[in-house]
C-alpha atoms as a PDB file:
ATOM      1  CA  MET A   1     -29.055 -23.355 -19.855  1.00  0.00           C
ATOM      2  CA  SER A   2     -27.055 -27.008 -20.150  1.00  0.00           C
ATOM      3  CA  GLU A   3     -27.631 -29.679 -22.568  1.00  0.00           C
ATOM      4  CA  ILE A   4     -28.209 -33.359 -21.713  1.00  0.00           C
ATOM      5  CA  THR A   5     -28.672 -36.371 -23.681  1.00  0.00           C
ATOM      6  CA  LEU A   6     -32.015 -38.635 -22.999  1.00  0.00           C
ATOM      7  CA  ARG A   7     -33.497 -42.178 -24.870  1.00  0.00           C
ATOM      8  CA  PHE A   8     -37.232 -41.828 -24.980  1.00  0.00           C
ATOM      9  CA  ALA A   9     -39.404 -45.556 -24.307  1.00  0.00           C
ATOM     10  CA  LYS A  10     -41.386 -46.157 -27.145  1.00  0.00           C
ATOM     11  CA  HIS A  11     -44.361 -43.852 -27.741  1.00  0.00           C
ATOM     12  CA  THR A  12     -42.624 -41.412 -24.693  1.00  0.00           C
ATOM     13  CA  GLY A  13     -43.443 -37.343 -25.116  1.00  0.00           C
ATOM     14  CA  GLN A  14     -45.439 -37.713 -28.527  1.00  0.00           C
ATOM     15  CA  THR A  15     -48.213 -37.277 -26.813  1.00  0.00           C
ATOM     16  CA  PRO A  16     -49.336 -33.157 -25.753  1.00  0.00           C
ATOM     17  CA  GLY A  17     -49.899 -33.196 -22.036  1.00  0.00           C
ATOM     18  CA  GLN A  18     -48.574 -37.157 -21.736  1.00  0.00           C
ATOM     19  CA  ARG A  19     -46.781 -37.362 -18.225  1.00  0.00           C
ATOM     20  CA  PHE A  20     -43.668 -39.448 -17.826  1.00  0.00           C
ATOM     21  CA  LEU A  21     -40.781 -40.410 -15.822  1.00  0.00           C
ATOM     22  CA  LEU A  22     -37.168 -39.247 -16.062  1.00  0.00           C
ATOM     23  CA  PHE A  23     -34.543 -41.617 -14.586  1.00  0.00           C
ATOM     24  CA  ALA A  24     -31.203 -41.162 -13.948  1.00  0.00           C
ATOM     25  CA  GLY A  25     -29.018 -44.018 -13.921  1.00  0.00           C
ATOM     26  CA  GLN A  26     -31.734 -46.172 -14.234  1.00  0.00           C
ATOM     27  CA  ALA A  27     -32.570 -48.722 -16.426  1.00  0.00           C
ATOM     28  CA  LEU A  28     -36.222 -47.726 -18.549  1.00  0.00           C
ATOM     29  CA  GLN A  29     -38.727 -49.084 -17.229  1.00  0.00           C
ATOM     30  CA  PRO A  30     -41.167 -51.927 -19.520  1.00  0.00           C
ATOM     31  CA  GLY A  31     -44.549 -50.736 -19.987  1.00  0.00           C
ATOM     32  CA  VAL A  32     -44.633 -47.228 -18.430  1.00  0.00           C
ATOM     33  CA  PRO A  33     -43.766 -44.012 -20.384  1.00  0.00           C
ATOM     34  CA  CYS A  34     -39.971 -42.737 -19.394  1.00  0.00           C
ATOM     35  CA  ALA A  35     -36.840 -41.224 -20.850  1.00  0.00           C
ATOM     36  CA  HIS A  36     -33.288 -42.332 -19.124  1.00  0.00           C
ATOM     37  CA  ALA A  37     -30.119 -39.898 -18.842  1.00  0.00           C
ATOM     38  CA  ASP A  38     -27.194 -41.618 -17.742  1.00  0.00           C
ATOM     39  CA  ALA A  39     -25.477 -39.002 -15.998  1.00  0.00           C
ATOM     40  CA  PRO A  40     -27.135 -37.434 -12.674  1.00  0.00           C
ATOM     41  CA  LEU A  41     -29.674 -34.499 -13.730  1.00  0.00           C
ATOM     42  CA  ALA A  42     -29.238 -30.670 -11.816  1.00  0.00           C
ATOM     43  CA  LEU A  43     -33.465 -30.285 -13.090  1.00  0.00           C
ATOM     44  CA  ARG A  44     -35.935 -28.526 -10.415  1.00  0.00           C
ATOM     45  CA  PRO A  45     -39.654 -27.537 -11.530  1.00  0.00           C
ATOM     46  CA  GLY A  46     -40.234 -25.180 -14.230  1.00  0.00           C
ATOM     47  CA  HIS A  47     -37.255 -26.541 -16.159  1.00  0.00           C
ATOM     48  CA  VAL A  48     -38.049 -27.212 -19.648  1.00  0.00           C
ATOM     49  CA  LEU A  49     -35.966 -29.629 -21.747  1.00  0.00           C
ATOM     50  CA  HIS A  50     -36.140 -28.785 -25.381  1.00  0.00           C
ATOM     51  CA  GLY A  51     -35.248 -30.013 -28.542  1.00  0.00           C
ATOM     52  CA  ASP A  52     -35.666 -28.183 -32.058  1.00  0.00           C
ATOM     53  CA  GLN A  53     -39.311 -29.845 -32.745  1.00  0.00           C
ATOM     54  CA  GLU A  54     -40.047 -30.528 -28.751  1.00  0.00           C
ATOM     55  CA  GLU A  55     -40.764 -29.252 -25.267  1.00  0.00           C
ATOM     56  CA  HIS A  56     -41.141 -31.347 -22.091  1.00  0.00           C
ATOM     57  CA  ARG A  57     -41.777 -29.120 -18.371  1.00  0.00           C
ATOM     58  CA  VAL A  58     -40.376 -30.978 -15.335  1.00  0.00           C
ATOM     59  CA  LEU A  59     -43.358 -30.959 -12.360  1.00  0.00           C
ATOM     60  CA  GLY A  60     -41.556 -32.298  -9.655  1.00  0.00           C
ATOM     61  CA  ARG A  61     -39.841 -35.579  -8.383  1.00  0.00           C
ATOM     62  CA  VAL A  62     -41.540 -38.736  -7.366  1.00  0.00           C
ATOM     63  CA  TRP A  63     -40.591 -42.218  -6.076  1.00  0.00           C
ATOM     64  CA  TRP A  64     -40.699 -45.618  -8.880  1.00  0.00           C
ATOM     65  CA  PRO A  65     -40.855 -48.749  -6.666  1.00  0.00           C
ATOM     66  CA  GLY A  66     -38.211 -51.185  -7.293  1.00  0.00           C
ATOM     67  CA  GLN A  67     -38.559 -54.397  -8.817  1.00  0.00           C
ATOM     68  CA  ALA A  68     -36.464 -57.702  -8.818  1.00  0.00           C
ATOM     69  CA  GLN A  69     -34.945 -56.431  -5.125  1.00  0.00           C
ATOM     70  CA  MET A  70     -34.166 -53.014  -6.120  1.00  0.00           C
ATOM     71  CA  PRO A  71     -34.450 -50.093  -4.207  1.00  0.00           C
ATOM     72  CA  ASP A  72     -37.092 -47.391  -4.984  1.00  0.00           C
ATOM     73  CA  ALA A  73     -35.674 -44.879  -7.794  1.00  0.00           C
ATOM     74  CA  ALA A  74     -36.034 -41.213  -7.345  1.00  0.00           C
ATOM     75  CA  CYS A  75     -36.905 -39.987 -10.940  1.00  0.00           C
ATOM     76  CA  TRP A  76     -38.681 -36.884 -12.416  1.00  0.00           C
ATOM     77  CA  LEU A  77     -42.316 -36.203 -13.167  1.00  0.00           C
ATOM     78  CA  LEU A  78     -42.212 -34.470 -16.610  1.00  0.00           C
ATOM     79  CA  GLU A  79     -45.436 -33.067 -18.989  1.00  0.00           C
ATOM     80  CA  THR A  80     -45.084 -32.986 -22.544  1.00  0.00           C
ATOM     81  CA  LEU A  81     -45.673 -29.381 -24.088  1.00  0.00           C
ATOM     82  CA  VAL A  82     -44.773 -29.213 -27.245  1.00  0.00           C
ATOM     83  CA  PRO A  83     -44.816 -33.239 -29.169  1.00  0.00           C
ATOM     84  CA  ALA A  84     -41.964 -34.771 -30.857  1.00  0.00           C
ATOM     85  CA  PRO A  85     -42.655 -35.597 -34.166  1.00  0.00           C
ATOM     86  CA  VAL A  86     -43.121 -39.653 -34.786  1.00  0.00           C
ATOM     87  CA  GLY A  87     -39.495 -41.150 -36.760  1.00  0.00           C
ATOM     88  CA  LEU A  88     -37.591 -39.363 -34.443  1.00  0.00           C
ATOM     89  CA  GLU A  89     -34.456 -41.266 -32.640  1.00  0.00           C
ATOM     90  CA  ASP A  90     -34.803 -42.768 -29.121  1.00  0.00           C
ATOM     91  CA  GLU A  91     -31.749 -41.044 -28.136  1.00  0.00           C
ATOM     92  CA  ARG A  92     -32.016 -37.388 -28.819  1.00  0.00           C
ATOM     93  CA  ARG A  93     -29.683 -34.604 -27.136  1.00  0.00           C
ATOM     94  CA  LEU A  94     -32.235 -31.846 -25.232  1.00  0.00           C
ATOM     95  CA  LEU A  95     -31.241 -28.308 -23.720  1.00  0.00           C
ATOM     96  CA  ALA A  96     -32.446 -27.469 -20.280  1.00  0.00           C
ATOM     97  CA  SER A  97     -33.769 -23.983 -19.327  1.00  0.00           C
ATOM     98  CA  ARG A  98     -35.388 -22.760 -16.730  1.00  0.00           C
ATOM     99  CA  ASP A  99     -37.283 -19.302 -16.837  1.00  0.00           C
ATOM    100  CA  GLY A 100     -38.624 -17.308 -13.693  1.00  0.00           C
ATOM    101  CA  PHE A 101     -39.558 -19.313 -10.102  1.00  0.00           C
ATOM    102  CA  ALA A 102     -41.507 -22.086  -9.573  1.00  0.00           C
ATOM    103  CA  LEU A 103     -44.742 -21.501  -7.143  1.00  0.00           C
ATOM    104  CA  ALA A 104     -46.285 -23.881  -5.169  1.00  0.00           C
ATOM    105  CA  TRP A 105     -49.905 -22.824  -3.811  1.00  0.00           C
ATOM    106  CA  ILE A 106     -51.454 -25.255  -0.545  1.00  0.00           C
ATOM    107  CA  THR A 107     -55.181 -24.442   0.331  1.00  0.00           C
ATOM    108  CA  LEU A 108     -56.084 -25.850   3.377  1.00  0.00           C
ATOM    109  CA  SER A 109     -60.221 -26.409   4.377  1.00  0.00           C
ATOM    110  CA  ASP A 110     -61.622 -29.643   5.414  1.00  0.00           C
ATOM    111  CA  LYS A 111     -64.510 -28.290   3.275  1.00  0.00           C
ATOM    112  CA  GLY A 112     -62.274 -27.670   0.042  1.00  0.00           C
ATOM    113  CA  ALA A 113     -60.879 -30.947   0.539  1.00  0.00           C
ATOM    114  CA  ALA A 114     -63.925 -32.594   1.108  1.00  0.00           C
ATOM    115  CA  GLY A 115     -65.282 -31.086  -2.137  1.00  0.00           C
ATOM    116  CA  GLN A 116     -67.818 -29.047  -0.607  1.00  0.00           C
ATOM    117  CA  ARG A 117     -66.194 -25.698  -1.156  1.00  0.00           C
ATOM    118  CA  VAL A 118     -64.936 -24.456  -4.145  1.00  0.00           C
ATOM    119  CA  ASP A 119     -61.199 -22.843  -3.682  1.00  0.00           C
ATOM    120  CA  ALA A 120     -60.737 -19.330  -4.831  1.00  0.00           C
ATOM    121  CA  SER A 121     -58.133 -18.294  -2.776  1.00  0.00           C
ATOM    122  CA  GLY A 122     -55.393 -20.789  -3.960  1.00  0.00           C
ATOM    123  CA  PRO A 123     -55.554 -19.568  -7.513  1.00  0.00           C
ATOM    124  CA  LEU A 124     -56.165 -15.974  -6.968  1.00  0.00           C
ATOM    125  CA  VAL A 125     -52.559 -16.796  -5.106  1.00  0.00           C
ATOM    126  CA  GLU A 126     -51.471 -17.809  -8.425  1.00  0.00           C
ATOM    127  CA  GLU A 127     -52.832 -15.027 -10.350  1.00  0.00           C
ATOM    128  CA  LEU A 128     -51.083 -12.467  -7.993  1.00  0.00           C
ATOM    129  CA  VAL A 129     -47.479 -13.856  -8.082  1.00  0.00           C
ATOM    130  CA  ARG A 130     -47.606 -14.449 -11.652  1.00  0.00           C
ATOM    131  CA  ALA A 131     -48.652 -10.625 -12.518  1.00  0.00           C
ATOM    132  CA  ALA A 132     -45.882  -9.948 -10.581  1.00  0.00           C
ATOM    133  CA  MET A 133     -43.008 -11.901 -10.873  1.00  0.00           C
ATOM    134  CA  PRO A 134     -41.816 -14.554 -13.543  1.00  0.00           C
ATOM    135  CA  VAL A 135     -43.190 -17.750 -12.684  1.00  0.00           C
ATOM    136  CA  SER A 136     -42.241 -21.322 -15.003  1.00  0.00           C
ATOM    137  CA  LEU A 137     -44.100 -23.881 -13.041  1.00  0.00           C
ATOM    138  CA  ALA A 138     -46.955 -23.139 -10.525  1.00  0.00           C
ATOM    139  CA  ARG A 139     -48.996 -26.228  -9.001  1.00  0.00           C
ATOM    140  CA  GLY A 140     -51.991 -26.394  -6.465  1.00  0.00           C
ATOM    141  CA  PHE A 141     -53.017 -28.395  -3.994  1.00  0.00           C
ATOM    142  CA  VAL A 142     -56.058 -28.241  -1.723  1.00  0.00           C
ATOM    143  CA  LEU A 143     -55.929 -30.605   1.888  1.00  0.00           C
ATOM    144  CA  PRO A 144     -57.361 -30.884   4.973  1.00  0.00           C
ATOM    145  CA  ASP A 145     -56.824 -29.070   7.846  1.00  0.00           C
ATOM    146  CA  GLU A 146     -54.252 -31.929   9.211  1.00  0.00           C
ATOM    147  CA  GLU A 147     -51.034 -30.543  10.895  1.00  0.00           C
ATOM    148  CA  ARG A 148     -48.843 -34.186   9.602  1.00  0.00           C
ATOM    149  CA  GLY A 149     -50.367 -33.876   5.956  1.00  0.00           C
ATOM    150  CA  ILE A 150     -49.401 -30.106   6.092  1.00  0.00           C
ATOM    151  CA  ARG A 151     -46.060 -30.622   7.459  1.00  0.00           C
ATOM    152  CA  ALA A 152     -45.243 -33.777   4.754  1.00  0.00           C
ATOM    153  CA  LEU A 153     -45.925 -31.597   1.965  1.00  0.00           C
ATOM    154  CA  LEU A 154     -43.948 -28.520   2.690  1.00  0.00           C
ATOM    155  CA  MET A 155     -41.090 -30.820   2.950  1.00  0.00           C
ATOM    156  CA  GLN A 156     -41.825 -32.556  -0.377  1.00  0.00           C
ATOM    157  CA  LEU A 157     -41.973 -29.234  -2.054  1.00  0.00           C
ATOM    158  CA  ALA A 158     -38.768 -27.522  -0.582  1.00  0.00           C
ATOM    159  CA  LEU A 159     -36.609 -30.399   0.225  1.00  0.00           C
ATOM    160  CA  GLN A 160     -37.142 -33.095  -2.853  1.00  0.00           C
ATOM    161  CA  ASP A 161     -39.033 -31.527  -5.343  1.00  0.00           C
ATOM    162  CA  GLY A 162     -37.248 -27.660  -5.223  1.00  0.00           C
ATOM    163  CA  PHE A 163     -39.751 -25.186  -5.512  1.00  0.00           C
ATOM    164  CA  ASP A 164     -39.457 -21.559  -5.158  1.00  0.00           C
ATOM    165  CA  LEU A 165     -42.019 -19.939  -3.465  1.00  0.00           C
ATOM    166  CA  ILE A 166     -44.887 -22.023  -1.676  1.00  0.00           C
ATOM    167  CA  CYS A 167     -47.740 -19.605   0.127  1.00  0.00           C
ATOM    168  CA  THR A 168     -50.414 -21.868   2.314  1.00  0.00           C
ATOM    169  CA  THR A 169     -54.121 -20.012   2.510  1.00  0.00           C
ATOM    170  CA  GLY A 170     -56.158 -21.091   5.580  1.00  0.00           C
ATOM    171  CA  GLY A 171     -55.576 -22.262   8.774  1.00  0.00           C
ATOM    172  CA  THR A 172     -53.981 -19.107  10.719  1.00  0.00           C
ATOM    173  CA  GLY A 173     -56.555 -18.178  13.102  1.00  0.00           C
ATOM    174  CA  VAL A 174     -57.207 -20.070  16.521  1.00  0.00           C
ATOM    175  CA  ALA A 175     -60.430 -22.223  15.572  1.00  0.00           C
ATOM    176  CA  PRO A 176     -59.261 -25.728  16.619  1.00  0.00           C
ATOM    177  CA  ARG A 177     -58.799 -27.118  13.538  1.00  0.00           C
ATOM    178  CA  ASP A 178     -56.210 -24.284  12.432  1.00  0.00           C
ATOM    179  CA  VAL A 179     -52.770 -25.755  12.899  1.00  0.00           C
ATOM    180  CA  THR A 180     -51.155 -23.972   8.930  1.00  0.00           C
ATOM    181  CA  PRO A 181     -48.799 -22.187  11.682  1.00  0.00           C
ATOM    182  CA  GLU A 182     -47.543 -25.147  13.995  1.00  0.00           C
ATOM    183  CA  ALA A 183     -47.209 -27.424  10.737  1.00  0.00           C
ATOM    184  CA  THR A 184     -45.128 -24.624   9.269  1.00  0.00           C
ATOM    185  CA  LEU A 185     -43.116 -24.126  12.493  1.00  0.00           C
ATOM    186  CA  ALA A 186     -42.055 -27.460  12.615  1.00  0.00           C
ATOM    187  CA  VAL A 187     -40.114 -27.333   9.544  1.00  0.00           C
ATOM    188  CA  ILE A 188     -39.171 -23.932   8.455  1.00  0.00           C
ATOM    189  CA  GLU A 189     -35.215 -23.325   9.647  1.00  0.00           C
ATOM    190  CA  LYS A 190     -34.809 -19.662   9.348  1.00  0.00           C
ATOM    191  CA  ARG A 191     -38.094 -17.318  10.156  1.00  0.00           C
ATOM    192  CA  LEU A 192     -38.800 -14.270   8.575  1.00  0.00           C
ATOM    193  CA  PRO A 193     -40.811 -12.119  11.471  1.00  0.00           C
ATOM    194  CA  GLY A 194     -40.513  -9.026   8.783  1.00  0.00           C
ATOM    195  CA  PHE A 195     -42.836 -10.396   6.263  1.00  0.00           C
ATOM    196  CA  GLU A 196     -45.519 -11.416   9.161  1.00  0.00           C
ATOM    197  CA  ARG A 197     -44.956  -8.143  10.377  1.00  0.00           C
ATOM    198  CA  ALA A 198     -45.498  -6.388   7.556  1.00  0.00           C
ATOM    199  CA  MET A 199     -48.923  -8.741   6.860  1.00  0.00           C
ATOM    200  CA  THR A 200     -50.140  -8.006   9.995  1.00  0.00           C
ATOM    201  CA  MET A 201     -50.135  -4.208   9.627  1.00  0.00           C
ATOM    202  CA  THR A 202     -51.379  -4.397   6.486  1.00  0.00           C
ATOM    203  CA  SER A 203     -54.409  -6.716   8.014  1.00  0.00           C
ATOM    204  CA  LEU A 204     -55.107  -3.834  10.721  1.00  0.00           C
ATOM    205  CA  ALA A 205     -55.533  -0.778   8.613  1.00  0.00           C
ATOM    206  CA  LYS A 206     -58.336  -3.024   7.313  1.00  0.00           C
ATOM    207  CA  THR A 207     -59.826  -4.318  10.387  1.00  0.00           C
ATOM    208  CA  PRO A 208     -58.790  -5.141  13.635  1.00  0.00           C
ATOM    209  CA  HIS A 209     -59.724  -8.610  13.489  1.00  0.00           C
ATOM    210  CA  GLY A 210     -56.301  -9.193  11.503  1.00  0.00           C
ATOM    211  CA  ALA A 211     -54.570  -9.234  15.096  1.00  0.00           C
ATOM    212  CA  VAL A 212     -56.075 -12.512  15.558  1.00  0.00           C
ATOM    213  CA  SER A 213     -53.786 -13.975  12.774  1.00  0.00           C
ATOM    214  CA  ARG A 214     -51.097 -16.547  13.621  1.00  0.00           C
ATOM    215  CA  ALA A 215     -49.524 -16.752  10.182  1.00  0.00           C
ATOM    216  CA  VAL A 216     -45.942 -17.828   9.965  1.00  0.00           C
ATOM    217  CA  CYS A 217     -42.807 -17.452   7.714  1.00  0.00           C
ATOM    218  CA  GLY A 218     -39.814 -18.668   6.575  1.00  0.00           C
ATOM    219  CA  THR A 219     -37.386 -20.641   4.491  1.00  0.00           C
ATOM    220  CA  LEU A 220     -36.893 -24.217   4.218  1.00  0.00           C
ATOM    221  CA  GLY A 221     -33.646 -25.521   2.014  1.00  0.00           C
ATOM    222  CA  GLY A 222     -34.126 -22.512  -0.965  1.00  0.00           C
ATOM    223  CA  ALA A 223     -37.847 -22.633  -0.135  1.00  0.00           C
ATOM    224  CA  VAL A 224     -39.614 -19.322   1.097  1.00  0.00           C
ATOM    225  CA  ILE A 225     -42.866 -20.085   2.705  1.00  0.00           C
ATOM    226  CA  VAL A 226     -45.819 -17.787   3.543  1.00  0.00           C
ATOM    227  CA  ASN A 227     -48.869 -18.390   5.588  1.00  0.00           C
ATOM    228  CA  LEU A 228     -51.712 -15.834   3.658  1.00  0.00           C
ATOM    229  CA  PRO A 229     -55.434 -15.950   5.385  1.00  0.00           C
ATOM    230  CA  GLY A 230     -58.139 -18.138   4.048  1.00  0.00           C
ATOM    231  CA  SER A 231     -60.204 -15.434   2.811  1.00  0.00           C
ATOM    232  CA  PRO A 232     -59.630 -14.098  -1.153  1.00  0.00           C
ATOM    233  CA  LYS A 233     -59.956 -10.559   0.182  1.00  0.00           C
ATOM    234  CA  ALA A 234     -57.267 -11.061   2.929  1.00  0.00           C
ATOM    235  CA  VAL A 235     -54.914 -13.310   0.252  1.00  0.00           C
ATOM    236  CA  ARG A 236     -55.100  -9.795  -1.971  1.00  0.00           C
ATOM    237  CA  GLU A 237     -53.861  -7.744   0.882  1.00  0.00           C
ATOM    238  CA  CYS A 238     -51.340  -9.608   2.398  1.00  0.00           C
ATOM    239  CA  LEU A 239     -49.484 -10.822  -0.526  1.00  0.00           C
ATOM    240  CA  GLY A 240     -49.857  -7.560  -1.572  1.00  0.00           C
ATOM    241  CA  ALA A 241     -47.640  -6.267   0.845  1.00  0.00           C
ATOM    242  CA  LEU A 242     -44.684  -9.136   0.334  1.00  0.00           C
ATOM    243  CA  ILE A 243     -44.630  -9.044  -3.324  1.00  0.00           C
ATOM    244  CA  PRO A 244     -42.278  -6.650  -3.782  1.00  0.00           C
ATOM    245  CA  ALA A 245     -39.561  -8.729  -1.352  1.00  0.00           C
ATOM    246  CA  LEU A 246     -40.619 -11.991  -2.822  1.00  0.00           C
ATOM    247  CA  ALA A 247     -38.323 -12.392  -5.480  1.00  0.00           C
ATOM    248  CA  HIS A 248     -35.366 -10.480  -3.931  1.00  0.00           C
ATOM    249  CA  THR A 249     -35.648 -13.194  -0.791  1.00  0.00           C
ATOM    250  CA  ILE A 250     -35.533 -15.389  -2.826  1.00  0.00           C
ATOM    251  CA  GLU A 251     -32.885 -14.944  -4.978  1.00  0.00           C
ATOM    252  CA  LYS A 252     -30.167 -14.184  -1.725  1.00  0.00           C
ATOM    253  CA  LEU A 253     -31.957 -17.313  -0.125  1.00  0.00           C
ATOM    254  CA  GLN A 254     -30.149 -19.530  -2.946  1.00  0.00           C
ATOM    255  CA  GLY A 255     -27.463 -17.675  -2.830  1.00  0.00           C
ATOM    256  CA  ASP A 256     -27.260 -14.668  -4.878  1.00  0.00           C
ATOM    257  CA  PRO A 257     -23.793 -12.754  -4.267  1.00  0.00           C
ATOM    258  CA  SER A 258     -25.052  -9.429  -5.418  1.00  0.00           C
ATOM    259  CA  ASP A 259     -24.581  -6.213  -3.060  1.00  0.00           C
ATOM    260  CA  CYS A 260     -28.354  -5.780  -1.098  1.00  0.00           C
ATOM    261  CA  ALA A 261     -27.611  -2.126  -1.070  1.00  0.00           C
ATOM    262  CA  ALA A 262     -27.167  -1.509  -5.198  1.00  0.00           C
ATOM    263  CA  VAL A 263     -31.339  -3.451  -5.322  1.00  0.00           C
END
C-alpha cells in the first residue's frame, strides 16, 4: 500500500460511477474530469485509491491528445466508487492498494460484435475466475474475428494497461474466420504448452472434436493469455482444467521468488 497526493479538478470524483483521467507530471486539462499527480505513478488496473471518505478504481491507460504543440500524454482512466463529499480540499492524500488479479476477457465473434448474438461465454469466464481466485477488476470486450484487431487489443491489455490474465473465447477452430491462435502467437513471448495440453486432454475426454482446437496459451509482459473455445460448455470445461494453476503461474511470471516445490 502506498500514499499518493492528487489534485482534483472541479467536480471530479464527486459522482458515483464517474470516469475521469489521472495525469502524472501533466497539467490539469480544462473542461475534462481529471486529477493530477506531480510524481510518476506505479498503478495497474484494479488499484483502488481511497481516502477517509472516497474511493476510485483504476480501469486502464489511455492517451490524451496534446494541445498547443505538446505531445500526447499517457494517463490513467479511473472510476469513482465512493464519491468525495462536496467541500473537500482539491489536493488530497490517498492510499493506493490492489487486492486480487485484473482479468480481461475477449469474445471473438463477428455476429456478437455486430449485435446479432448475445455473448454468454465472456461473462462465464469472469464468473468462473471470480469463483476461484481474488479479482480486483474484470473488463470484457467483444470483437470481430479480425487478426490485427485482436493482436492490438492483446498488446494494449498486457503491455500498456498491465492486466494479469487475459482470456479469449472463440475463433480457435479451422473455419476461415478462426484467427485467434494466429493473433496470439504473433504477440506472446513465452508459450505455455502444458496449458494447451491440459485443455486438449479435457476436451478429448468429452468429445473427439476436441482434437480440432488450435487454442494457444502463453505470456506477454506480466500477463498470462489463454485461448478458450467459443461455447459456454467448452469454456467451463477447458478453463476448469487451468484454474488450479492460474494464480501460481501469474505470480511466478511477475517475479514471485518463493520455492515452487513448497506450493
